[in-house]
């Protein structure tokens, strides 16, 4: 959770909320990168950054929770889970709440059997469960990503190009690419429009595209995009990974994994997610604490969620803290 600056119009003073909630005089609506909780409103006292300055007058304000930017949360993510809409068991909401609470950082919906309407409803359920720290990913479907206002969009092998895909999501969304060869990994790493990668298949469970499953791609990715190096694009090993073979994946150099049935089909999905999370946390060790600090410092307290001119002058606006400039 992060703090930041809030203004309520051209003449409003810049203030920093003391706590996890920022305040604004009206609802900002859903915007990528932060969440607005609905009324009722409450009164908050905001204080200036100037030492010894008197508090700004208390007013009635709607709560706004500012979160770390999407790109930072993706860099800090270790565990991505791929699920369908769980129509057979009708437990998507409880499943999502359980695995998010157990350590899943990103939930991705893939369900070829579901209608567009059902997919959108499922994504909204996942977004609710993800609050306040998790992320929800749309896979492949650009129109669905636009309708859902996706924070994360994962593109399949090859097409569409990232430049086209980015026209369907906000400028702050994270866009990923599935990679099945060394050349595809290298191209995705060099593509400024791609923010993260999935690499596989490690043990099966995915289309092969003429390549047998194996850990060679994971080793290549670890060599050209060492997960521990700051600024390296995050990548997730994927494809048939289970708790039984996870150590092999980690030994090959992965520090993030994307899991399907090993969590979704488990007797206790939350327990399975927690077991994966614990193993990944142990693999990172103390290195991850420094990674968190460096990532947050590079990001700033939080990212702005829209250009100032996207808002009317009498509407509240989140602004970047000038002490923590946004990454170029």
Protein backbone atom coordinates (compact mmCIF):
# COMPACT_ATOMS: atom_id res chain seq x y z
CA UNK A 1 0.00 0.00 0.00
CA UNK A 2 1.27 3.45 -0.77
CA UNK A 3 0.71 7.08 0.05
CA UNK A 4 0.62 9.99 -2.33
CA UNK A 5 -0.74 13.40 -3.26
CA UNK A 6 -4.38 14.32 -3.80
CA UNK A 7 -5.80 17.54 -5.20
CA UNK A 8 -9.45 18.53 -5.49
CA UNK A 9 -9.16 21.25 -8.10
CA UNK A 10 -6.79 23.83 -9.50
CA UNK A 11 -6.60 25.81 -6.25
CA UNK A 12 -6.41 22.87 -3.85
CA UNK A 13 -3.23 22.45 -1.79
CA UNK A 14 -1.06 19.38 -2.31
CA UNK A 15 -1.38 17.17 0.75
CA UNK A 16 -0.24 13.73 1.82
CA UNK A 17 -2.63 11.38 3.59
CA UNK A 18 -1.27 9.95 6.82
CA UNK A 19 -2.33 6.31 6.45
CA UNK A 20 -3.34 3.87 3.78
CA UNK A 21 -6.31 5.82 2.40
CA UNK A 22 -6.12 8.91 0.29
CA UNK A 23 -9.04 11.25 0.06
CA UNK A 24 -10.93 12.98 -2.71
CA UNK A 25 -14.08 15.08 -2.72
CA UNK A 26 -15.90 12.87 -5.22
CA UNK A 27 -15.65 9.37 -6.59
CA UNK A 28 -13.01 9.06 -9.28
CA UNK A 29 -14.57 5.97 -10.81
CA UNK A 30 -12.61 2.87 -11.81
CA UNK A 31 -9.18 3.72 -13.18
CA UNK A 32 -6.22 1.42 -13.77
CA UNK A 33 -3.68 1.32 -10.99
CA UNK A 34 -5.85 2.27 -8.02
CA UNK A 35 -9.19 1.45 -6.53
CA UNK A 36 -12.03 3.64 -5.33
CA UNK A 37 -14.21 2.18 -2.61
CA UNK A 38 -17.83 3.38 -2.80
CA UNK A 39 -19.54 5.65 -0.25
CA UNK A 40 -20.42 6.08 2.59
CA UNK A 41 -18.06 8.99 2.99
CA UNK A 42 -16.15 9.85 6.11
CA UNK A 43 -14.11 12.71 7.46
CA UNK A 44 -10.31 12.59 7.24
CA UNK A 45 -7.69 15.03 8.43
CA UNK A 46 -4.92 15.61 5.92
CA UNK A 47 -1.58 17.11 6.83
CA UNK A 48 0.94 18.96 4.75
CA UNK A 49 4.49 17.74 4.14
CA UNK A 50 5.92 20.89 5.75
CA UNK A 51 7.35 20.17 9.24
CA UNK A 52 5.40 22.05 11.89
CA UNK A 53 2.61 23.08 9.54
CA UNK A 54 -0.94 23.00 10.81
CA UNK A 55 -3.25 20.28 9.48
CA UNK A 56 -5.41 21.11 6.51
CA UNK A 57 -9.04 21.56 7.53
CA UNK A 58 -10.98 18.32 7.88
CA UNK A 59 -13.65 17.79 5.25
CA UNK A 60 -16.09 15.11 4.16
CA UNK A 61 -14.33 12.91 1.64
CA UNK A 62 -14.78 9.72 -0.31
CA UNK A 63 -12.13 7.11 0.35
CA UNK A 64 -9.55 6.35 -2.31
CA UNK A 65 -6.99 3.62 -1.82
CA UNK A 66 -3.79 4.19 -3.76
CA UNK A 67 -1.86 1.06 -4.60
CA UNK A 68 1.58 0.43 -5.98
CA UNK A 69 1.69 0.79 -9.72
CA UNK A 70 0.74 -2.19 -11.86
CA UNK A 71 4.24 -2.56 -13.26
CA UNK A 72 5.79 -2.73 -9.78
CA UNK A 73 3.23 -5.28 -8.65
CA UNK A 74 4.02 -7.41 -11.70
CA UNK A 75 7.74 -7.20 -10.95
CA UNK A 76 7.08 -8.24 -7.37
CA UNK A 77 4.73 -11.06 -8.39
CA UNK A 78 5.99 -14.61 -7.89
CA UNK A 79 2.91 -16.76 -8.43
CA UNK A 80 0.47 -16.53 -11.34
CA UNK A 81 -2.49 -18.92 -11.42
CA UNK A 82 -4.45 -19.80 -14.56
CA UNK A 83 -8.07 -20.77 -14.00
CA UNK A 84 -11.29 -21.23 -15.91
CA UNK A 85 -14.58 -19.78 -14.67
CA UNK A 86 -15.18 -22.88 -12.50
CA UNK A 87 -18.73 -23.17 -13.79
CA UNK A 88 -18.95 -26.85 -12.80
CA UNK A 89 -18.22 -26.19 -9.14
CA UNK A 90 -19.73 -22.67 -9.11
CA UNK A 91 -17.14 -21.52 -6.59
CA UNK A 92 -15.08 -18.97 -8.48
CA UNK A 93 -15.48 -16.21 -5.90
CA UNK A 94 -14.46 -18.34 -2.92
CA UNK A 95 -11.70 -20.01 -4.91
CA UNK A 96 -10.24 -16.66 -5.93
CA UNK A 97 -10.47 -15.21 -2.43
CA UNK A 98 -8.77 -18.28 -1.03
CA UNK A 99 -5.83 -18.42 -3.44
CA UNK A 100 -5.25 -14.66 -3.39
CA UNK A 101 -5.16 -14.85 0.39
CA UNK A 102 -2.73 -17.77 0.20
CA UNK A 103 -0.14 -16.04 -1.95
CA UNK A 104 -1.28 -15.94 -5.58
CA UNK A 105 -0.33 -12.55 -7.02
CA UNK A 106 -2.04 -12.76 -10.42
CA UNK A 107 -5.11 -14.72 -11.47
CA UNK A 108 -5.58 -15.24 -15.20
CA UNK A 109 -8.88 -16.32 -16.73
CA UNK A 110 -8.78 -18.78 -19.62
CA UNK A 111 -12.08 -20.39 -20.51
CA UNK A 112 -12.85 -21.20 -24.13
CA UNK A 113 -16.23 -22.70 -23.17
CA UNK A 114 -17.60 -19.55 -21.55
CA UNK A 115 -19.51 -16.85 -23.40
CA UNK A 116 -18.18 -13.31 -23.52
CA UNK A 117 -20.84 -12.27 -21.02
CA UNK A 118 -19.86 -15.06 -18.64
CA UNK A 119 -16.17 -14.25 -19.01
CA UNK A 120 -16.79 -10.61 -18.16
CA UNK A 121 -18.83 -11.58 -15.11
CA UNK A 122 -16.08 -13.98 -14.02
CA UNK A 123 -13.44 -11.30 -14.41
CA UNK A 124 -15.46 -8.90 -12.27
CA UNK A 125 -15.66 -11.54 -9.55
CA UNK A 126 -11.90 -12.00 -9.75
CA UNK A 127 -11.33 -8.24 -9.54
CA UNK A 128 -13.37 -8.09 -6.35
CA UNK A 129 -11.41 -10.97 -4.85
CA UNK A 130 -8.11 -9.42 -5.93
CA UNK A 131 -8.62 -6.23 -3.90
CA UNK A 132 -6.41 -4.68 -2.67
CA UNK A 133 -3.13 -6.31 -3.74
CA UNK A 134 -3.80 -8.92 -6.44
CA UNK A 135 -4.06 -8.50 -10.18
CA UNK A 136 -6.41 -10.05 -12.74
CA UNK A 137 -5.24 -10.97 -16.23
CA UNK A 138 -7.18 -11.30 -19.46
CA UNK A 139 -5.74 -13.80 -21.93
CA UNK A 140 -5.61 -13.10 -25.68
CA UNK A 141 -9.02 -11.42 -26.11
CA UNK A 142 -8.47 -7.75 -26.92
CA UNK A 143 -12.13 -6.76 -26.93
CA UNK A 144 -12.68 -8.45 -23.58
CA UNK A 145 -9.63 -6.65 -22.20
CA UNK A 146 -11.08 -3.33 -23.33
CA UNK A 147 -14.53 -4.05 -21.92
CA UNK A 148 -13.07 -5.17 -18.61
CA UNK A 149 -10.56 -2.30 -18.45
CA UNK A 150 -7.89 -4.93 -17.82
CA UNK A 151 -4.86 -4.13 -15.72
CA UNK A 152 -3.02 -7.12 -17.21
CA UNK A 153 -3.31 -8.50 -20.75
CA UNK A 154 -1.44 -11.67 -21.73
CA UNK A 155 -0.86 -12.16 -25.46
CA UNK A 156 -0.41 -15.55 -27.12
CA UNK A 157 2.51 -16.53 -29.32
CA UNK A 158 3.15 -14.22 -32.27
CA UNK A 159 0.04 -12.14 -32.83
CA UNK A 160 -1.24 -9.59 -32.14
CA UNK A 161 1.62 -7.15 -31.98
CA UNK A 162 2.05 -5.39 -28.67
CA UNK A 163 1.53 -1.99 -30.26
CA UNK A 164 -1.92 -3.06 -31.45
CA UNK A 165 -2.81 -4.72 -28.15
CA UNK A 166 -1.94 -1.60 -26.19
CA UNK A 167 -4.67 0.32 -27.98
CA UNK A 168 -7.19 -1.83 -26.09
CA UNK A 169 -5.90 -1.17 -22.57
CA UNK A 170 -4.80 1.80 -20.54
CA UNK A 171 -1.29 3.16 -20.77
CA UNK A 172 -0.61 1.77 -17.29
CA UNK A 173 -1.68 -1.79 -18.09
CA UNK A 174 0.89 -4.57 -18.11
CA UNK A 175 1.10 -6.55 -21.37
CA UNK A 176 2.72 -9.99 -21.53
CA UNK A 177 3.73 -12.48 -24.20
CA UNK A 178 3.78 -16.29 -24.35
CA UNK A 179 7.18 -17.56 -25.53
CA UNK A 180 8.00 -21.05 -26.77
CA UNK A 181 11.51 -20.62 -28.19
CA UNK A 182 14.75 -18.81 -27.45
CA UNK A 183 14.17 -16.41 -30.33
CA UNK A 184 10.70 -15.55 -29.02
CA UNK A 185 12.14 -14.90 -25.56
CA UNK A 186 14.81 -12.63 -26.98
CA UNK A 187 12.27 -10.77 -29.13
CA UNK A 188 9.87 -10.24 -26.22
CA UNK A 189 12.68 -8.96 -24.01
CA UNK A 190 13.65 -6.48 -26.72
CA UNK A 191 10.05 -5.36 -27.38
CA UNK A 192 9.31 -2.15 -25.46
CA UNK A 193 5.60 -2.96 -25.66
CA UNK A 194 5.98 -6.19 -23.67
CA UNK A 195 6.23 -6.00 -19.88
CA UNK A 196 6.39 -9.67 -18.86
CA UNK A 197 6.79 -13.12 -20.38
CA UNK A 198 5.63 -16.68 -19.82
CA UNK A 199 8.15 -19.32 -20.85
CA UNK A 200 7.47 -22.97 -21.51
CA UNK A 201 6.22 -25.54 -21.60
CA UNK A 202 8.43 -26.85 -18.82
CA UNK A 203 6.71 -30.22 -18.42
CA UNK A 204 3.73 -30.14 -20.77
CA UNK A 205 0.21 -28.89 -20.38
CA UNK A 206 0.55 -26.31 -23.18
CA UNK A 207 0.68 -26.36 -26.98
CA UNK A 208 4.17 -27.43 -28.00
CA UNK A 209 4.54 -25.57 -31.30
CA UNK A 210 6.96 -28.20 -32.54
CA UNK A 211 9.08 -28.23 -29.39
CA UNK A 212 9.19 -30.90 -26.72
CA UNK A 213 8.64 -29.73 -23.15
CA UNK A 214 11.78 -29.13 -21.13
CA UNK A 215 13.74 -26.72 -18.99
CA UNK A 216 16.17 -25.49 -21.66
CA UNK A 217 14.06 -22.39 -22.26
CA UNK A 218 13.97 -21.64 -18.55
CA UNK A 219 17.75 -21.88 -18.42
CA UNK A 220 18.04 -19.57 -21.42
CA UNK A 221 15.68 -17.04 -19.86
CA UNK A 222 17.61 -17.13 -16.59
CA UNK A 223 20.81 -16.41 -18.51
CA UNK A 224 19.51 -13.50 -20.59
CA UNK A 225 17.04 -12.10 -18.03
CA UNK A 226 18.31 -12.96 -14.56
CA UNK A 227 15.28 -12.55 -12.26
CA UNK A 228 17.40 -11.05 -9.48
CA UNK A 229 18.70 -8.18 -11.62
CA UNK A 230 16.81 -4.92 -11.13
CA UNK A 231 15.04 -3.71 -14.26
CA UNK A 232 14.86 -7.15 -15.86
CA UNK A 233 11.44 -7.95 -17.29
CA UNK A 234 9.61 -10.46 -15.10
CA UNK A 235 9.03 -13.88 -16.59
CA UNK A 236 7.09 -16.91 -15.40
CA UNK A 237 7.93 -20.52 -16.15
CA UNK A 238 4.74 -22.31 -17.22
CA UNK A 239 3.48 -25.69 -18.31
CA UNK A 240 2.82 -28.74 -16.15
CA UNK A 241 4.59 -27.38 -13.09
CA UNK A 242 3.66 -29.11 -9.83
CA UNK A 243 4.94 -29.15 -6.28
CA UNK A 244 6.77 -32.37 -7.16
CA UNK A 245 8.81 -30.83 -9.99
CA UNK A 246 9.01 -27.24 -8.76
CA UNK A 247 12.55 -27.70 -7.42
CA UNK A 248 13.75 -28.59 -10.94
CA UNK A 249 12.23 -25.38 -12.28
CA UNK A 250 13.86 -23.33 -9.54
CA UNK A 251 17.20 -25.04 -10.11
CA UNK A 252 16.96 -24.07 -13.79
CA UNK A 253 16.81 -20.42 -12.73
CA UNK A 254 13.10 -19.53 -12.52
CA UNK A 255 11.87 -17.45 -9.61
CA UNK A 256 8.30 -16.95 -10.84
CA UNK A 257 5.90 -19.62 -12.01
CA UNK A 258 2.46 -19.83 -13.63
CA UNK A 259 0.39 -22.71 -12.30
CA UNK A 260 -2.83 -24.27 -13.55
CA UNK A 261 -4.24 -27.59 -12.44
CA UNK A 262 -1.76 -28.05 -9.59
CA UNK A 263 -3.73 -25.32 -7.83
CA UNK A 264 -7.14 -25.26 -9.54
CA UNK A 265 -7.70 -29.04 -9.29
CA UNK A 266 -6.20 -29.45 -5.84
CA UNK A 267 -8.42 -30.72 -3.03
CA UNK A 268 -7.53 -27.53 -1.17
CA UNK A 269 -6.53 -24.86 -3.74
CA UNK A 270 -5.56 -22.32 -1.07
CA UNK A 271 -3.25 -24.83 0.63
CA UNK A 272 -1.65 -25.68 -2.71
CA UNK A 273 -1.17 -21.98 -3.49
CA UNK A 274 0.36 -21.42 -0.06
CA UNK A 275 2.78 -24.30 -0.62
CA UNK A 276 3.90 -22.84 -3.96
CA UNK A 277 4.23 -19.40 -2.41
CA UNK A 278 6.32 -20.66 0.47
CA UNK A 279 8.70 -22.50 -1.85
CA UNK A 280 9.07 -19.48 -4.12
CA UNK A 281 9.67 -17.20 -1.15
CA UNK A 282 12.38 -19.54 0.09
CA UNK A 283 14.00 -19.63 -3.36
CA UNK A 284 14.24 -15.83 -3.38
CA UNK A 285 15.51 -15.68 0.19
CA UNK A 286 16.73 -12.35 1.52
CA UNK A 287 17.26 -11.24 -2.06
CA UNK A 288 13.55 -10.51 -2.39
CA UNK A 289 13.52 -7.98 0.46
CA UNK A 290 16.10 -5.86 -1.36
CA UNK A 291 14.18 -6.39 -4.60
CA UNK A 292 11.01 -4.99 -3.02
CA UNK A 293 12.76 -1.91 -1.71
CA UNK A 294 14.53 -1.19 -4.99
CA UNK A 295 11.39 -1.70 -7.05
CA UNK A 296 9.30 0.55 -4.83
CA UNK A 297 11.98 3.25 -4.78
CA UNK A 298 12.28 3.19 -8.57
CA UNK A 299 8.51 3.38 -8.94
CA UNK A 300 7.69 6.11 -6.47
CA UNK A 301 4.97 6.13 -3.88
CA UNK A 302 2.37 5.36 -6.52
CA UNK A 303 1.82 5.98 -10.19
CA UNK A 304 -0.52 8.65 -11.53
CA UNK A 305 -3.65 7.06 -12.90
CA UNK A 306 -4.51 9.49 -15.67
CA UNK A 307 -3.26 12.61 -17.33
CA UNK A 308 -4.44 15.75 -15.54
CA UNK A 309 -6.31 16.97 -18.60
CA UNK A 310 -8.44 13.81 -18.51
CA UNK A 311 -10.25 15.28 -15.52
CA UNK A 312 -12.45 18.35 -15.23
CA UNK A 313 -10.94 21.09 -13.10
CA UNK A 314 -13.53 20.60 -10.37
CA UNK A 315 -12.90 16.86 -10.07
CA UNK A 316 -10.27 15.31 -7.79
CA UNK A 317 -6.99 14.23 -9.31
CA UNK A 318 -4.26 11.91 -8.12
CA UNK A 319 -0.82 13.33 -8.82
CA UNK A 320 2.67 11.90 -8.64
CA UNK A 321 4.61 12.80 -5.53
CA UNK A 322 7.43 15.02 -6.88
CA UNK A 323 9.87 13.46 -4.42
CA UNK A 324 9.38 10.12 -6.16
CA UNK A 325 9.35 10.83 -9.91
CA UNK A 326 7.71 8.37 -12.24
CA UNK A 327 9.90 6.10 -14.32
CA UNK A 328 10.34 7.36 -17.90
